[in-house]
Amino acid sequence: MAISAEFMESLAADIGSCVYIEIAKWHLYLNDAHLHEPLAEKLAGVLAEDRLTQANVETVLGSFEVAVGGGRQTLPLLTLIPAQCQRELMDLLEERQRDL
């Protein structure tokens, strides 16, 4: 299934405004960290192939590496996003799946 550029932009915007990294109780939204577009591209593949499950989303988040400490180390996005935020992401993706 082909995904339009408009859908991708909208998906990235939604992800960027609802998903955040939490470090020491500080919230850094993915749009501010410039991570929303590359994450949307990876998650769009899951949506396009009709493989939306919690396990598949966690696999994407686990393989999405985020540079920290000026690039001295990378951490999987899965470890940086709180559980509540992951649930909200899943809800968002389920809603967007219906839009396809």
Protein backbone atom coordinates (compact mmCIF):
# COMPACT_ATOMS: atom_id res chain seq x y z
CA MET A 1 0.00 0.00 0.00
CA ALA A 2 1.39 3.39 -0.97
CA ILE A 3 1.34 6.16 1.60
CA SER A 4 0.90 9.73 0.43
CA ALA A 5 3.27 12.53 1.35
CA GLU A 6 0.37 14.35 2.99
CA PHE A 7 -0.36 11.33 5.21
CA MET A 8 3.33 11.09 6.14
CA GLU A 9 3.53 14.77 7.07
CA SER A 10 0.38 14.50 9.17
CA LEU A 11 1.61 11.31 10.86
CA ALA A 12 4.98 12.90 11.66
CA ALA A 13 3.27 16.00 13.08
CA ASP A 14 0.99 13.88 15.27
CA ILE A 15 3.89 11.76 16.52
CA GLY A 16 6.02 14.84 17.17
CA SER A 17 3.36 16.52 19.26
CA CYS A 18 2.31 13.52 21.39
CA VAL A 19 5.46 11.41 21.85
CA TYR A 20 8.27 12.57 24.10
CA ILE A 21 11.52 11.40 25.61
CA GLU A 22 11.60 11.64 29.39
CA ILE A 23 14.92 12.26 31.11
CA ALA A 24 15.06 13.25 34.78
CA LYS A 25 11.34 14.15 34.62
CA TRP A 26 11.98 16.52 31.71
CA HIS A 27 9.90 15.96 28.57
CA LEU A 28 11.49 16.49 25.16
CA TYR A 29 8.89 16.09 22.45
CA LEU A 30 10.08 14.30 19.32
CA ASN A 31 9.34 17.28 17.09
CA ASP A 32 11.68 19.41 19.22
CA ALA A 33 14.32 16.66 19.04
CA HIS A 34 13.82 16.38 15.25
CA LEU A 35 13.07 12.68 15.58
CA HIS A 36 9.41 12.72 14.55
CA GLU A 37 9.96 12.47 10.79
CA PRO A 38 12.43 9.55 10.77
CA LEU A 39 10.27 7.69 13.30
CA ALA A 40 7.13 8.33 11.22
CA GLU A 41 8.90 6.86 8.19
CA LYS A 42 9.71 3.66 10.09
CA LEU A 43 6.23 3.37 11.59
CA ALA A 44 4.57 4.08 8.23
CA GLY A 45 6.09 0.84 6.98
CA VAL A 46 4.31 -1.03 9.77
CA LEU A 47 1.04 0.70 8.86
CA ALA A 48 1.43 0.18 5.11
CA GLU A 49 2.11 -3.52 5.52
CA ASP A 50 -0.84 -3.89 7.93
CA ARG A 51 1.46 -5.20 10.69
CA LEU A 52 0.34 -2.89 13.49
CA THR A 53 0.85 -4.73 16.75
CA GLN A 54 2.34 -3.66 20.06
CA ALA A 55 5.25 -6.04 19.47
CA ASN A 56 6.03 -4.59 16.03
CA VAL A 57 5.89 -1.02 17.33
CA GLU A 58 8.20 -1.97 20.20
CA THR A 59 10.58 -3.56 17.68
CA VAL A 60 10.69 -0.29 15.71
CA LEU A 61 11.21 1.75 18.88
CA GLY A 62 13.87 -0.67 20.08
CA SER A 63 15.82 -0.44 16.83
CA PHE A 64 15.52 3.36 16.57
CA GLU A 65 18.79 4.60 18.05
CA VAL A 66 19.02 8.07 19.64
CA ALA A 67 22.42 9.72 20.03
CA VAL A 68 23.08 11.11 23.51
CA GLY A 69 26.04 12.87 25.07
CA GLY A 70 27.07 14.55 21.84
CA GLY A 71 26.97 11.22 20.04
CA ARG A 72 29.25 9.44 22.51
CA GLN A 73 26.54 6.85 23.08
CA THR A 74 23.24 5.74 21.54
CA LEU A 75 20.15 4.47 23.31
CA PRO A 76 17.07 2.81 21.84
CA LEU A 77 14.09 5.14 21.73
CA LEU A 78 12.09 2.40 23.48
CA THR A 79 14.08 2.99 26.68
CA LEU A 80 13.56 6.76 26.58
CA ILE A 81 9.78 6.90 26.08
CA PRO A 82 7.58 6.36 29.16
CA ALA A 83 4.99 3.56 29.07
CA GLN A 84 2.03 5.98 29.03
CA CYS A 85 3.51 7.74 26.01
CA GLN A 86 3.96 4.39 24.24
CA ARG A 87 0.28 3.62 24.83
CA GLU A 88 -0.68 7.01 23.39
CA LEU A 89 1.52 6.31 20.37
CA MET A 90 -0.19 2.97 19.87
CA ASP A 91 -3.62 4.63 20.09
CA LEU A 92 -2.52 7.23 17.56
CA LEU A 93 -1.23 4.57 15.17
CA GLU A 94 -4.43 2.53 15.46
CA GLU A 95 -6.43 5.63 14.60
CA ARG A 96 -4.17 6.47 11.66
CA GLN A 97 -4.35 2.85 10.42
CA ARG A 98 -8.09 3.33 9.99
CA ASP A 99 -7.41 6.45 7.86
CA LEU A 100 -5.50 4.41 5.28
